[in-house]
Amino acid sequence: MAAGTPGVASGAADGTGRTTPGPGSVVVRAVVGGWRGLVWYLEGMMGADAYKKYVAHHRAVHPGVEPLGERQFWREKMDAEDANPQGRCC
């Protein structure tokens, strides 16, 4: 197949010595980007990013003070949720 023909996964030279992405790589990038967005959304919805948010907040509000380790953070978070159940499914 010639360069520029639909269905060609490899790029074609653009005169600068570099190759331009073919249609296959654009599709792959779109799928990977969509997957990353879905993972980001689900982690946020389920609270999996809570420790990252805690560390960012702790460093901004309490500079120079070491934040809890991740294991201790999750232990205290789960203990607090068990002691004070709110709107959650289980």
N, C-alpha and C. Protein backbone atom coordinates (compact mmCIF):
# COMPACT_ATOMS: atom_id res chain seq x y z
N MET A 1 0.84 -1.18 0.00
CA MET A 1 0.00 0.00 0.00
C MET A 1 0.88 1.24 0.00
N ALA A 2 0.45 2.24 -0.66
CA ALA A 2 1.21 3.49 -0.74
C ALA A 2 0.95 4.34 0.48
N ALA A 3 1.89 5.27 0.77
CA ALA A 3 1.72 6.19 1.89
C ALA A 3 0.47 7.02 1.67
N GLY A 4 -0.27 7.24 2.74
CA GLY A 4 -1.49 8.04 2.64
C GLY A 4 -2.72 7.21 2.30
N THR A 5 -2.50 5.91 2.05
CA THR A 5 -3.62 5.02 1.76
C THR A 5 -4.30 4.65 3.07
N PRO A 6 -5.63 4.74 3.13
CA PRO A 6 -6.32 4.35 4.36
C PRO A 6 -5.96 2.92 4.76
N GLY A 7 -5.82 2.71 6.05
CA GLY A 7 -5.48 1.39 6.55
C GLY A 7 -3.99 1.18 6.78
N VAL A 8 -3.16 2.15 6.42
CA VAL A 8 -1.72 2.03 6.61
C VAL A 8 -1.42 2.47 8.03
N ALA A 9 -0.81 1.60 8.83
CA ALA A 9 -0.56 1.90 10.23
C ALA A 9 0.72 2.69 10.43
N SER A 10 1.65 2.61 9.51
CA SER A 10 2.90 3.34 9.68
C SER A 10 2.76 4.76 9.15
N GLY A 11 3.63 5.65 9.61
CA GLY A 11 3.55 7.05 9.20
C GLY A 11 4.20 7.26 7.85
N ALA A 12 4.01 8.45 7.33
CA ALA A 12 4.60 8.83 6.05
C ALA A 12 5.54 10.00 6.28
N ALA A 13 6.61 10.09 5.50
CA ALA A 13 7.57 11.18 5.67
C ALA A 13 6.90 12.51 5.38
N ASP A 14 7.21 13.53 6.19
CA ASP A 14 6.61 14.85 5.99
C ASP A 14 7.62 15.87 5.48
N GLY A 15 8.79 15.44 5.02
CA GLY A 15 9.78 16.34 4.48
C GLY A 15 10.80 16.81 5.50
N THR A 16 10.58 16.56 6.78
CA THR A 16 11.50 16.99 7.83
C THR A 16 12.35 15.83 8.35
N GLY A 17 12.19 14.68 7.76
CA GLY A 17 12.92 13.52 8.25
C GLY A 17 12.16 12.77 9.32
N ARG A 18 11.09 13.37 9.83
CA ARG A 18 10.25 12.70 10.83
C ARG A 18 9.08 12.04 10.10
N THR A 19 8.41 11.18 10.80
CA THR A 19 7.23 10.57 10.20
C THR A 19 5.99 11.08 10.93
N THR A 20 4.92 11.20 10.20
CA THR A 20 3.66 11.61 10.81
C THR A 20 2.92 10.35 11.23
N PRO A 21 2.15 10.45 12.31
CA PRO A 21 1.45 9.26 12.79
C PRO A 21 0.43 8.79 11.77
N GLY A 22 0.35 7.49 11.61
CA GLY A 22 -0.65 6.90 10.74
C GLY A 22 -1.98 6.78 11.47
N PRO A 23 -3.02 6.39 10.75
CA PRO A 23 -4.34 6.30 11.37
C PRO A 23 -4.40 5.32 12.52
N GLY A 24 -3.60 4.26 12.47
CA GLY A 24 -3.60 3.28 13.55
C GLY A 24 -3.11 3.86 14.87
N SER A 25 -2.06 4.68 14.81
CA SER A 25 -1.53 5.24 16.05
C SER A 25 -2.48 6.28 16.64
N VAL A 26 -3.24 6.96 15.80
CA VAL A 26 -4.22 7.93 16.30
C VAL A 26 -5.32 7.19 17.06
N VAL A 27 -5.75 6.07 16.52
CA VAL A 27 -6.78 5.28 17.18
C VAL A 27 -6.27 4.72 18.50
N VAL A 28 -5.05 4.22 18.51
CA VAL A 28 -4.46 3.68 19.73
C VAL A 28 -4.37 4.77 20.80
N ARG A 29 -3.90 5.96 20.39
CA ARG A 29 -3.81 7.07 21.35
C ARG A 29 -5.18 7.44 21.90
N ALA A 30 -6.20 7.43 21.07
CA ALA A 30 -7.55 7.76 21.51
C ALA A 30 -8.07 6.71 22.50
N VAL A 31 -7.82 5.45 22.21
CA VAL A 31 -8.27 4.37 23.10
C VAL A 31 -7.54 4.45 24.44
N VAL A 32 -6.22 4.63 24.39
CA VAL A 32 -5.44 4.73 25.62
C VAL A 32 -5.88 5.95 26.44
N GLY A 33 -6.08 7.08 25.77
CA GLY A 33 -6.55 8.28 26.47
C GLY A 33 -7.91 8.07 27.10
N GLY A 34 -8.80 7.41 26.39
CA GLY A 34 -10.12 7.11 26.95
C GLY A 34 -10.05 6.19 28.14
N TRP A 35 -9.19 5.18 28.05
CA TRP A 35 -9.01 4.24 29.16
C TRP A 35 -8.46 4.96 30.39
N ARG A 36 -7.46 5.82 30.19
CA ARG A 36 -6.89 6.57 31.33
C ARG A 36 -7.94 7.47 31.97
N GLY A 37 -8.77 8.09 31.15
CA GLY A 37 -9.85 8.93 31.68
C GLY A 37 -10.84 8.12 32.49
N LEU A 38 -11.20 6.94 32.02
CA LEU A 38 -12.12 6.07 32.75
C LEU A 38 -11.52 5.64 34.08
N VAL A 39 -10.24 5.25 34.07
CA VAL A 39 -9.58 4.84 35.31
C VAL A 39 -9.54 6.01 36.30
N TRP A 40 -9.20 7.21 35.81
CA TRP A 40 -9.17 8.39 36.67
C TRP A 40 -10.55 8.64 37.30
N TYR A 41 -11.60 8.54 36.51
CA TYR A 41 -12.96 8.77 36.99
C TYR A 41 -13.35 7.75 38.06
N LEU A 42 -13.09 6.47 37.78
CA LEU A 42 -13.47 5.42 38.73
C LEU A 42 -12.67 5.51 40.02
N GLU A 43 -11.37 5.84 39.93
CA GLU A 43 -10.57 6.00 41.15
C GLU A 43 -11.12 7.14 42.00
N GLY A 44 -11.49 8.24 41.36
CA GLY A 44 -12.06 9.37 42.09
C GLY A 44 -13.39 9.03 42.71
N MET A 45 -14.23 8.32 41.98
CA MET A 45 -15.55 7.96 42.47
C MET A 45 -15.46 7.00 43.64
N MET A 46 -14.50 6.08 43.60
CA MET A 46 -14.38 5.08 44.65
C MET A 46 -13.47 5.54 45.80
N GLY A 47 -12.81 6.67 45.65
CA GLY A 47 -11.96 7.18 46.72
C GLY A 47 -10.55 6.64 46.71
N ALA A 48 -10.16 5.98 45.64
CA ALA A 48 -8.81 5.40 45.57
C ALA A 48 -7.73 6.46 45.54
N ASP A 49 -8.08 7.68 45.16
CA ASP A 49 -7.10 8.77 45.10
C ASP A 49 -7.07 9.60 46.39
N ALA A 50 -7.74 9.12 47.44
CA ALA A 50 -7.85 9.87 48.69
C ALA A 50 -6.48 10.14 49.31
N TYR A 51 -5.57 9.16 49.26
CA TYR A 51 -4.26 9.37 49.87
C TYR A 51 -3.47 10.44 49.13
N LYS A 52 -3.53 10.42 47.79
CA LYS A 52 -2.83 11.45 47.00
C LYS A 52 -3.36 12.84 47.36
N LYS A 53 -4.68 12.95 47.49
CA LYS A 53 -5.29 14.24 47.85
C LYS A 53 -4.88 14.66 49.26
N TYR A 54 -4.85 13.69 50.18
CA TYR A 54 -4.45 13.97 51.55
C TYR A 54 -3.02 14.50 51.60
N VAL A 55 -2.11 13.83 50.90
CA VAL A 55 -0.70 14.25 50.92
C VAL A 55 -0.56 15.66 50.33
N ALA A 56 -1.24 15.94 49.22
CA ALA A 56 -1.17 17.27 48.61
C ALA A 56 -1.70 18.33 49.57
N HIS A 57 -2.82 18.05 50.22
CA HIS A 57 -3.39 19.00 51.18
C HIS A 57 -2.46 19.17 52.39
N HIS A 58 -1.95 18.05 52.90
CA HIS A 58 -1.09 18.10 54.09
C HIS A 58 0.17 18.92 53.82
N ARG A 59 0.77 18.73 52.65
CA ARG A 59 1.98 19.49 52.34
C ARG A 59 1.70 20.98 52.16
N ALA A 60 0.52 21.31 51.65
CA ALA A 60 0.16 22.71 51.46
C ALA A 60 -0.17 23.40 52.79
N VAL A 61 -0.86 22.68 53.67
CA VAL A 61 -1.33 23.28 54.92
C VAL A 61 -0.32 23.12 56.06
N HIS A 62 0.42 22.03 56.06
CA HIS A 62 1.37 21.74 57.14
C HIS A 62 2.78 21.49 56.59
N PRO A 63 3.40 22.51 55.98
CA PRO A 63 4.74 22.29 55.43
C PRO A 63 5.74 21.95 56.54
N GLY A 64 6.62 21.04 56.24
CA GLY A 64 7.64 20.66 57.22
C GLY A 64 7.20 19.55 58.16
N VAL A 65 5.92 19.18 58.14
CA VAL A 65 5.42 18.10 58.99
C VAL A 65 5.20 16.88 58.11
N GLU A 66 5.73 15.76 58.53
CA GLU A 66 5.62 14.53 57.73
C GLU A 66 4.18 14.02 57.75
N PRO A 67 3.60 13.74 56.58
CA PRO A 67 2.24 13.18 56.55
C PRO A 67 2.24 11.72 57.00
N LEU A 68 1.08 11.20 57.31
CA LEU A 68 0.96 9.79 57.66
C LEU A 68 1.43 8.93 56.50
N GLY A 69 1.92 7.76 56.80
CA GLY A 69 2.23 6.81 55.75
C GLY A 69 0.92 6.32 55.13
N GLU A 70 1.00 5.77 53.93
CA GLU A 70 -0.23 5.37 53.24
C GLU A 70 -1.00 4.31 54.02
N ARG A 71 -0.31 3.36 54.57
CA ARG A 71 -0.98 2.30 55.33
C ARG A 71 -1.71 2.86 56.55
N GLN A 72 -1.04 3.74 57.29
CA GLN A 72 -1.67 4.35 58.46
C GLN A 72 -2.83 5.24 58.06
N PHE A 73 -2.70 5.97 56.95
CA PHE A 73 -3.79 6.82 56.46
C PHE A 73 -5.04 5.99 56.20
N TRP A 74 -4.89 4.88 55.47
CA TRP A 74 -6.06 4.05 55.14
C TRP A 74 -6.65 3.42 56.39
N ARG A 75 -5.81 3.01 57.33
CA ARG A 75 -6.31 2.43 58.58
C ARG A 75 -7.17 3.44 59.32
N GLU A 76 -6.66 4.67 59.46
CA GLU A 76 -7.42 5.71 60.17
C GLU A 76 -8.68 6.11 59.41
N LYS A 77 -8.60 6.17 58.09
CA LYS A 77 -9.76 6.52 57.28
C LYS A 77 -10.87 5.48 57.43
N MET A 78 -10.51 4.20 57.35
CA MET A 78 -11.51 3.14 57.50
C MET A 78 -12.08 3.11 58.91
N ASP A 79 -11.25 3.32 59.92
CA ASP A 79 -11.74 3.36 61.30
C ASP A 79 -12.73 4.50 61.49
N ALA A 80 -12.43 5.67 60.92
CA ALA A 80 -13.33 6.81 61.03
C ALA A 80 -14.65 6.55 60.31
N GLU A 81 -14.59 5.91 59.14
CA GLU A 81 -15.83 5.60 58.41
C GLU A 81 -16.66 4.56 59.14
N ASP A 82 -16.01 3.59 59.77
CA ASP A 82 -16.75 2.58 60.53
C ASP A 82 -17.39 3.18 61.78
N ALA A 83 -16.70 4.12 62.42
CA ALA A 83 -17.23 4.76 63.63
C ALA A 83 -18.34 5.75 63.32
N ASN A 84 -18.32 6.36 62.15
CA ASN A 84 -19.30 7.37 61.74
C ASN A 84 -19.87 7.03 60.38
N PRO A 85 -20.71 6.00 60.27
CA PRO A 85 -21.23 5.64 58.94
C PRO A 85 -22.12 6.76 58.38
N GLN A 86 -21.91 7.05 57.12
CA GLN A 86 -22.71 8.07 56.45
C GLN A 86 -23.29 7.44 55.19
N GLY A 87 -23.63 8.26 54.21
CA GLY A 87 -24.25 7.77 52.98
C GLY A 87 -23.32 6.95 52.14
N ARG A 88 -23.22 5.67 52.39
CA ARG A 88 -22.44 4.77 51.56
C ARG A 88 -23.21 3.47 51.42
N CYS A 89 -22.88 2.70 50.45
CA CYS A 89 -23.70 1.52 50.14
C CYS A 89 -23.52 0.37 51.11
N CYS A 90 -22.34 0.18 51.67
CA CYS A 90 -22.10 -1.02 52.48
C CYS A 90 -21.64 -0.69 53.88
